[in-house]
Amino acid sequence: MENSDQRYMVQQDKIKEPNKPPVFARVMRSKEGVFEGVSFIKNKEKASILTMAQAKEAVAWAVKKKSAAHEYATKIIPADQ
């Protein structure tokens, strides 16, 4: 059973440049709240805080849509990390 109080963020690290700072997912939603996609930003404070299900949806979208997805390691991290 998932802990409903736990929140997560999606982080990407460039595989070939380990010293480069990570980027974080900002989830885009329609006015009705429907998931539309993800953009990756440098500012951790502006990144989306997600449930596990939402984080998995964002990772799946990023892996499928990002043209250079094979260049990035995408992972779900606790929001308080």
PDB file of N, CA and C in Angstrom:
ATOM      1  N   MET A   1       0.836  -1.175   0.000  1.00  0.00           N
ATOM      2  CA  MET A   1       0.000   0.000   0.000  1.00  0.00           C
ATOM      3  C   MET A   1       0.885   1.244   0.000  1.00  0.00           C
ATOM      4  N   GLU A   2       0.552   2.208  -0.852  1.00  0.00           N
ATOM      5  CA  GLU A   2       1.342   3.424  -0.988  1.00  0.00           C
ATOM      6  C   GLU A   2       1.017   4.394   0.144  1.00  0.00           C
ATOM      7  N   ASN A   3       2.052   5.020   0.668  1.00  0.00           N
ATOM      8  CA  ASN A   3       1.866   6.048   1.694  1.00  0.00           C
ATOM      9  C   ASN A   3       1.361   7.306   0.993  1.00  0.00           C
ATOM     10  N   SER A   4       0.135   7.718   1.251  1.00  0.00           N
ATOM     11  CA  SER A   4      -0.482   8.834   0.541  1.00  0.00           C
ATOM     12  C   SER A   4       0.166  10.177   0.866  1.00  0.00           C
ATOM     13  N   ASP A   5       0.926  10.256   1.960  1.00  0.00           N
ATOM     14  CA  ASP A   5       1.585  11.503   2.325  1.00  0.00           C
ATOM     15  C   ASP A   5       2.916  11.703   1.608  1.00  0.00           C
ATOM     16  N   GLN A   6       3.461  10.652   1.020  1.00  0.00           N
ATOM     17  CA  GLN A   6       4.767  10.726   0.362  1.00  0.00           C
ATOM     18  C   GLN A   6       4.647  11.430  -0.986  1.00  0.00           C
ATOM     19  N   ARG A   7       5.550  12.347  -1.265  1.00  0.00           N
ATOM     20  CA  ARG A   7       5.565  13.082  -2.528  1.00  0.00           C
ATOM     21  C   ARG A   7       6.927  12.902  -3.191  1.00  0.00           C
ATOM     22  N   TYR A   8       6.937  13.002  -4.506  1.00  0.00           N
ATOM     23  CA  TYR A   8       8.130  12.714  -5.289  1.00  0.00           C
ATOM     24  C   TYR A   8       8.383  13.784  -6.335  1.00  0.00           C
ATOM     25  N   MET A   9       9.610  13.749  -6.863  1.00  0.00           N
ATOM     26  CA  MET A   9      10.014  14.594  -7.985  1.00  0.00           C
ATOM     27  C   MET A   9      10.689  13.683  -9.005  1.00  0.00           C
ATOM     28  N   VAL A  10      10.705  14.121 -10.253  1.00  0.00           N
ATOM     29  CA  VAL A  10      11.397  13.379 -11.301  1.00  0.00           C
ATOM     30  C   VAL A  10      12.658  14.157 -11.645  1.00  0.00           C
ATOM     31  N   GLN A  11      13.787  13.454 -11.626  1.00  0.00           N
ATOM     32  CA  GLN A  11      15.091  14.074 -11.866  1.00  0.00           C
ATOM     33  C   GLN A  11      15.765  13.392 -13.045  1.00  0.00           C
ATOM     34  N   GLN A  12      16.460  14.180 -13.872  1.00  0.00           N
ATOM     35  CA  GLN A  12      17.253  13.627 -14.958  1.00  0.00           C
ATOM     36  C   GLN A  12      18.694  14.078 -14.814  1.00  0.00           C
ATOM     37  N   ASP A  13      19.604  13.132 -15.042  1.00  0.00           N
ATOM     38  CA  ASP A  13      21.033  13.424 -15.048  1.00  0.00           C
ATOM     39  C   ASP A  13      21.577  13.048 -16.412  1.00  0.00           C
ATOM     40  N   LYS A  14      22.448  13.891 -16.962  1.00  0.00           N
ATOM     41  CA  LYS A  14      23.067  13.591 -18.245  1.00  0.00           C
ATOM     42  C   LYS A  14      24.105  12.496 -18.020  1.00  0.00           C
ATOM     43  N   ILE A  15      23.986  11.398 -18.735  1.00  0.00           N
ATOM     44  CA  ILE A  15      24.847  10.229 -18.530  1.00  0.00           C
ATOM     45  C   ILE A  15      26.309  10.522 -18.863  1.00  0.00           C
ATOM     46  N   LYS A  16      26.555  11.183 -19.987  1.00  0.00           N
ATOM     47  CA  LYS A  16      27.929  11.411 -20.426  1.00  0.00           C
ATOM     48  C   LYS A  16      28.592  12.612 -19.757  1.00  0.00           C
ATOM     49  N   GLU A  17      27.829  13.390 -19.008  1.00  0.00           N
ATOM     50  CA  GLU A  17      28.382  14.547 -18.301  1.00  0.00           C
ATOM     51  C   GLU A  17      27.958  14.489 -16.835  1.00  0.00           C
ATOM     52  N   PRO A  18      28.579  13.612 -16.045  1.00  0.00           N
ATOM     53  CA  PRO A  18      28.155  13.429 -14.649  1.00  0.00           C
ATOM     54  C   PRO A  18      28.313  14.657 -13.772  1.00  0.00           C
ATOM     55  N   ASN A  19      29.157  15.604 -14.152  1.00  0.00           N
ATOM     56  CA  ASN A  19      29.347  16.811 -13.338  1.00  0.00           C
ATOM     57  C   ASN A  19      28.309  17.886 -13.634  1.00  0.00           C
ATOM     58  N   LYS A  20      27.522  17.688 -14.674  1.00  0.00           N
ATOM     59  CA  LYS A  20      26.487  18.661 -15.031  1.00  0.00           C
ATOM     60  C   LYS A  20      25.344  18.564 -14.017  1.00  0.00           C
ATOM     61  N   PRO A  21      24.801  19.711 -13.559  1.00  0.00           N
ATOM     62  CA  PRO A  21      23.718  19.661 -12.570  1.00  0.00           C
ATOM     63  C   PRO A  21      22.468  18.963 -13.149  1.00  0.00           C
ATOM     64  N   PRO A  22      21.704  18.292 -12.303  1.00  0.00           N
ATOM     65  CA  PRO A  22      20.496  17.606 -12.778  1.00  0.00           C
ATOM     66  C   PRO A  22      19.402  18.606 -13.145  1.00  0.00           C
ATOM     67  N   VAL A  23      18.428  18.115 -13.902  1.00  0.00           N
ATOM     68  CA  VAL A  23      17.235  18.899 -14.223  1.00  0.00           C
ATOM     69  C   VAL A  23      16.040  18.172 -13.624  1.00  0.00           C
ATOM     70  N   PHE A  24      14.952  18.913 -13.403  1.00  0.00           N
ATOM     71  CA  PHE A  24      13.786  18.380 -12.717  1.00  0.00           C
ATOM     72  C   PHE A  24      12.532  18.585 -13.560  1.00  0.00           C
ATOM     73  N   ALA A  25      11.574  17.684 -13.408  1.00  0.00           N
ATOM     74  CA  ALA A  25      10.360  17.714 -14.212  1.00  0.00           C
ATOM     75  C   ALA A  25       9.373  18.769 -13.733  1.00  0.00           C
ATOM     76  N   ARG A  26       8.813  19.475 -14.683  1.00  0.00           N
ATOM     77  CA  ARG A  26       7.701  20.399 -14.457  1.00  0.00           C
ATOM     78  C   ARG A  26       6.564  19.856 -15.312  1.00  0.00           C
ATOM     79  N   VAL A  27       5.529  19.340 -14.665  1.00  0.00           N
ATOM     80  CA  VAL A  27       4.420  18.704 -15.366  1.00  0.00           C
ATOM     81  C   VAL A  27       3.473  19.766 -15.922  1.00  0.00           C
ATOM     82  N   MET A  28       3.085  19.580 -17.164  1.00  0.00           N
ATOM     83  CA  MET A  28       2.141  20.489 -17.816  1.00  0.00           C
ATOM     84  C   MET A  28       0.768  19.830 -17.819  1.00  0.00           C
ATOM     85  N   ARG A  29      -0.228  20.576 -17.375  1.00  0.00           N
ATOM     86  CA  ARG A  29      -1.601  20.081 -17.325  1.00  0.00           C
ATOM     87  C   ARG A  29      -2.528  21.094 -17.983  1.00  0.00           C
ATOM     88  N   SER A  30      -3.628  20.588 -18.545  1.00  0.00           N
ATOM     89  CA  SER A  30      -4.636  21.459 -19.137  1.00  0.00           C
ATOM     90  C   SER A  30      -5.425  22.136 -18.023  1.00  0.00           C
ATOM     91  N   LYS A  31      -6.315  23.048 -18.395  1.00  0.00           N
ATOM     92  CA  LYS A  31      -7.158  23.722 -17.410  1.00  0.00           C
ATOM     93  C   LYS A  31      -8.025  22.728 -16.652  1.00  0.00           C
ATOM     94  N   GLU A  32      -8.342  21.616 -17.297  1.00  0.00           N
ATOM     95  CA  GLU A  32      -9.164  20.582 -16.664  1.00  0.00           C
ATOM     96  C   GLU A  32      -8.324  19.643 -15.790  1.00  0.00           C
ATOM     97  N   GLY A  33      -7.020  19.830 -15.783  1.00  0.00           N
ATOM     98  CA  GLY A  33      -6.149  18.999 -14.962  1.00  0.00           C
ATOM     99  C   GLY A  33      -5.646  17.751 -15.653  1.00  0.00           C
ATOM    100  N   VAL A  34      -5.839  17.660 -16.962  1.00  0.00           N
ATOM    101  CA  VAL A  34      -5.398  16.489 -17.721  1.00  0.00           C
ATOM    102  C   VAL A  34      -3.909  16.618 -18.039  1.00  0.00           C
ATOM    103  N   PHE A  35      -3.169  15.535 -17.812  1.00  0.00           N
ATOM    104  CA  PHE A  35      -1.734  15.493 -18.083  1.00  0.00           C
ATOM    105  C   PHE A  35      -1.477  15.745 -19.570  1.00  0.00           C
ATOM    106  N   GLU A  36      -0.567  16.696 -19.868  1.00  0.00           N
ATOM    107  CA  GLU A  36      -0.230  17.008 -21.260  1.00  0.00           C
ATOM    108  C   GLU A  36       1.228  16.751 -21.601  1.00  0.00           C
ATOM    109  N   GLY A  37       2.087  16.710 -20.607  1.00  0.00           N
ATOM    110  CA  GLY A  37       3.495  16.469 -20.883  1.00  0.00           C
ATOM    111  C   GLY A  37       4.382  16.997 -19.772  1.00  0.00           C
ATOM    112  N   VAL A  38       5.682  16.995 -20.052  1.00  0.00           N
ATOM    113  CA  VAL A  38       6.676  17.382 -19.056  1.00  0.00           C
ATOM    114  C   VAL A  38       7.723  18.275 -19.715  1.00  0.00           C
ATOM    115  N   SER A  39       8.165  19.278 -19.000  1.00  0.00           N
ATOM    116  CA  SER A  39       9.347  20.027 -19.408  1.00  0.00           C
ATOM    117  C   SER A  39      10.353  19.881 -18.276  1.00  0.00           C
ATOM    118  N   PHE A  40      11.620  19.909 -18.620  1.00  0.00           N
ATOM    119  CA  PHE A  40      12.656  19.762 -17.602  1.00  0.00           C
ATOM    120  C   PHE A  40      13.335  21.104 -17.375  1.00  0.00           C
ATOM    121  N   ILE A  41      13.426  21.473 -16.095  1.00  0.00           N
ATOM    122  CA  ILE A  41      13.957  22.767 -15.700  1.00  0.00           C
ATOM    123  C   ILE A  41      15.099  22.586 -14.700  1.00  0.00           C
ATOM    124  N   LYS A  42      15.942  23.590 -14.593  1.00  0.00           N
ATOM    125  CA  LYS A  42      17.081  23.538 -13.670  1.00  0.00           C
ATOM    126  C   LYS A  42      16.688  23.863 -12.237  1.00  0.00           C
ATOM    127  N   ASN A  43      15.642  24.667 -12.059  1.00  0.00           N
ATOM    128  CA  ASN A  43      15.252  25.156 -10.742  1.00  0.00           C
ATOM    129  C   ASN A  43      14.429  24.106  -9.989  1.00  0.00           C
ATOM    130  N   LYS A  44      15.029  23.492  -8.998  1.00  0.00           N
ATOM    131  CA  LYS A  44      14.372  22.444  -8.217  1.00  0.00           C
ATOM    132  C   LYS A  44      13.146  22.965  -7.472  1.00  0.00           C
ATOM    133  N   GLU A  45      13.185  24.225  -7.033  1.00  0.00           N
ATOM    134  CA  GLU A  45      12.071  24.798  -6.278  1.00  0.00           C
ATOM    135  C   GLU A  45      10.812  24.970  -7.130  1.00  0.00           C
ATOM    136  N   LYS A  46      10.957  25.085  -8.434  1.00  0.00           N
ATOM    137  CA  LYS A  46       9.805  25.246  -9.329  1.00  0.00           C
ATOM    138  C   LYS A  46       9.348  23.932  -9.952  1.00  0.00           C
ATOM    139  N   ALA A  47      10.023  22.846  -9.624  1.00  0.00           N
ATOM    140  CA  ALA A  47       9.656  21.530 -10.156  1.00  0.00           C
ATOM    141  C   ALA A  47       8.355  21.049  -9.535  1.00  0.00           C
ATOM    142  N   SER A  48       7.665  20.181 -10.242  1.00  0.00           N
ATOM    143  CA  SER A  48       6.390  19.643  -9.767  1.00  0.00           C
ATOM    144  C   SER A  48       6.603  18.622  -8.658  1.00  0.00           C
ATOM    145  N   ILE A  49       5.779  18.704  -7.634  1.00  0.00           N
ATOM    146  CA  ILE A  49       5.746  17.723  -6.554  1.00  0.00           C
ATOM    147  C   ILE A  49       4.605  16.772  -6.892  1.00  0.00           C
ATOM    148  N   LEU A  50       4.905  15.476  -6.956  1.00  0.00           N
ATOM    149  CA  LEU A  50       3.973  14.502  -7.510  1.00  0.00           C
ATOM    150  C   LEU A  50       3.724  13.323  -6.579  1.00  0.00           C
ATOM    151  N   THR A  51       2.618  12.636  -6.818  1.00  0.00           N
ATOM    152  CA  THR A  51       2.398  11.343  -6.183  1.00  0.00           C
ATOM    153  C   THR A  51       3.208  10.322  -6.973  1.00  0.00           C
ATOM    154  N   MET A  52       3.328   9.114  -6.479  1.00  0.00           N
ATOM    155  CA  MET A  52       4.087   8.085  -7.190  1.00  0.00           C
ATOM    156  C   MET A  52       3.469   7.807  -8.564  1.00  0.00           C
ATOM    157  N   ALA A  53       2.149   7.739  -8.642  1.00  0.00           N
ATOM    158  CA  ALA A  53       1.482   7.468  -9.919  1.00  0.00           C
ATOM    159  C   ALA A  53       1.759   8.590 -10.920  1.00  0.00           C
ATOM    160  N   GLN A  54       1.701   9.831 -10.472  1.00  0.00           N
ATOM    161  CA  GLN A  54       1.979  10.963 -11.354  1.00  0.00           C
ATOM    162  C   GLN A  54       3.444  10.965 -11.797  1.00  0.00           C
ATOM    163  N   ALA A  55       4.347  10.626 -10.879  1.00  0.00           N
ATOM    164  CA  ALA A  55       5.772  10.574 -11.209  1.00  0.00           C
ATOM    165  C   ALA A  55       6.045   9.492 -12.249  1.00  0.00           C
ATOM    166  N   LYS A  56       5.408   8.348 -12.105  1.00  0.00           N
ATOM    167  CA  LYS A  56       5.579   7.269 -13.091  1.00  0.00           C
ATOM    168  C   LYS A  56       5.051   7.695 -14.454  1.00  0.00           C
ATOM    169  N   GLU A  57       3.950   8.430 -14.474  1.00  0.00           N
ATOM    170  CA  GLU A  57       3.384   8.936 -15.720  1.00  0.00           C
ATOM    171  C   GLU A  57       4.362   9.919 -16.381  1.00  0.00           C
ATOM    172  N   ALA A  58       4.980  10.784 -15.597  1.00  0.00           N
ATOM    173  CA  ALA A  58       5.942  11.752 -16.121  1.00  0.00           C
ATOM    174  C   ALA A  58       7.182  11.057 -16.672  1.00  0.00           C
ATOM    175  N   VAL A  59       7.684  10.040 -15.979  1.00  0.00           N
ATOM    176  CA  VAL A  59       8.851   9.290 -16.446  1.00  0.00           C
ATOM    177  C   VAL A  59       8.523   8.577 -17.758  1.00  0.00           C
ATOM    178  N   ALA A  60       7.369   7.942 -17.826  1.00  0.00           N
ATOM    179  CA  ALA A  60       6.973   7.241 -19.046  1.00  0.00           C
ATOM    180  C   ALA A  60       6.890   8.208 -20.225  1.00  0.00           C
ATOM    181  N   TRP A  61       6.341   9.388 -20.003  1.00  0.00           N
ATOM    182  CA  TRP A  61       6.233  10.394 -21.058  1.00  0.00           C
ATOM    183  C   TRP A  61       7.622  10.857 -21.488  1.00  0.00           C
ATOM    184  N   ALA A  62       8.497  11.125 -20.521  1.00  0.00           N
ATOM    185  CA  ALA A  62       9.842  11.622 -20.822  1.00  0.00           C
ATOM    186  C   ALA A  62      10.645  10.608 -21.622  1.00  0.00           C
ATOM    187  N   VAL A  63      10.541   9.348 -21.251  1.00  0.00           N
ATOM    188  CA  VAL A  63      11.280   8.306 -21.958  1.00  0.00           C
ATOM    189  C   VAL A  63      10.752   8.143 -23.380  1.00  0.00           C
ATOM    190  N   LYS A  64       9.453   8.270 -23.533  1.00  0.00           N
ATOM    191  CA  LYS A  64       8.830   8.080 -24.849  1.00  0.00           C
ATOM    192  C   LYS A  64       9.021   9.295 -25.753  1.00  0.00           C
ATOM    193  N   LYS A  65       8.913  10.499 -25.222  1.00  0.00           N
ATOM    194  CA  LYS A  65       8.881  11.711 -26.039  1.00  0.00           C
ATOM    195  C   LYS A  65      10.222  12.423 -26.206  1.00  0.00           C
ATOM    196  N   LYS A  66      11.056  12.366 -25.237  1.00  0.00           N
ATOM    197  CA  LYS A  66      12.307  13.125 -25.302  1.00  0.00           C
ATOM    198  C   LYS A  66      13.188  12.568 -26.418  1.00  0.00           C
ATOM    199  N   SER A  67      13.576  13.424 -27.357  1.00  0.00           N
ATOM    200  CA  SER A  67      14.338  12.982 -28.522  1.00  0.00           C
ATOM    201  C   SER A  67      15.689  12.376 -28.136  1.00  0.00           C
ATOM    202  N   ALA A  68      16.267  12.819 -27.050  1.00  0.00           N
ATOM    203  CA  ALA A  68      17.557  12.298 -26.609  1.00  0.00           C
ATOM    204  C   ALA A  68      17.426  11.549 -25.282  1.00  0.00           C
ATOM    205  N   ALA A  69      16.337  10.829 -25.094  1.00  0.00           N
ATOM    206  CA  ALA A  69      16.077  10.152 -23.819  1.00  0.00           C
ATOM    207  C   ALA A  69      17.188   9.177 -23.442  1.00  0.00           C
ATOM    208  N   HIS A  70      17.824   8.587 -24.430  1.00  0.00           N
ATOM    209  CA  HIS A  70      18.899   7.634 -24.130  1.00  0.00           C
ATOM    210  C   HIS A  70      20.143   8.312 -23.560  1.00  0.00           C
ATOM    211  N   GLU A  71      20.217   9.633 -23.605  1.00  0.00           N
ATOM    212  CA  GLU A  71      21.350  10.370 -23.062  1.00  0.00           C
ATOM    213  C   GLU A  71      21.167  10.734 -21.593  1.00  0.00           C
ATOM    214  N   TYR A  72      19.990  10.471 -21.049  1.00  0.00           N
ATOM    215  CA  TYR A  72      19.671  10.885 -19.684  1.00  0.00           C
ATOM    216  C   TYR A  72      19.273   9.697 -18.818  1.00  0.00           C
ATOM    217  N   ALA A  73      19.662   9.756 -17.555  1.00  0.00           N
ATOM    218  CA  ALA A  73      19.208   8.797 -16.555  1.00  0.00           C
ATOM    219  C   ALA A  73      18.041   9.473 -15.819  1.00  0.00           C
ATOM    220  N   THR A  74      16.856   8.930 -15.968  1.00  0.00           N
ATOM    221  CA  THR A  74      15.663   9.500 -15.351  1.00  0.00           C
ATOM    222  C   THR A  74      15.311   8.688 -14.123  1.00  0.00           C
ATOM    223  N   LYS A  75      15.062   9.376 -13.003  1.00  0.00           N
ATOM    224  CA  LYS A  75      14.704   8.659 -11.778  1.00  0.00           C
ATOM    225  C   LYS A  75      13.712   9.457 -10.953  1.00  0.00           C
ATOM    226  N   ILE A  76      13.015   8.743 -10.100  1.00  0.00           N
ATOM    227  CA  ILE A  76      12.055   9.336  -9.179  1.00  0.00           C
ATOM    228  C   ILE A  76      12.743   9.444  -7.823  1.00  0.00           C
ATOM    229  N   ILE A  77      12.694  10.652  -7.254  1.00  0.00           N
ATOM    230  CA  ILE A  77      13.332  10.880  -5.957  1.00  0.00           C
ATOM    231  C   ILE A  77      12.299  11.444  -4.986  1.00  0.00           C
ATOM    232  N   PRO A  78      12.476  11.232  -3.678  1.00  0.00           N
ATOM    233  CA  PRO A  78      11.575  11.853  -2.700  1.00  0.00           C
ATOM    234  C   PRO A  78      11.694  13.367  -2.794  1.00  0.00           C
ATOM    235  N   ALA A  79      10.583  14.060  -2.654  1.00  0.00           N
ATOM    236  CA  ALA A  79      10.568  15.524  -2.783  1.00  0.00           C
ATOM    237  C   ALA A  79      11.394  16.221  -1.712  1.00  0.00           C
ATOM    238  N   ASP A  80      11.557  15.600  -0.565  1.00  0.00           N
ATOM    239  CA  ASP A  80      12.310  16.236   0.524  1.00  0.00           C
ATOM    240  C   ASP A  80      13.810  15.982   0.437  1.00  0.00           C
ATOM    241  N   GLN A  81      14.266  15.378  -0.641  1.00  0.00           N
ATOM    242  CA  GLN A  81      15.681  15.042  -0.784  1.00  0.00           C
ATOM    243  C   GLN A  81      16.483  16.209  -1.311  1.00  0.00           C
TER     244      GLN A  81
END
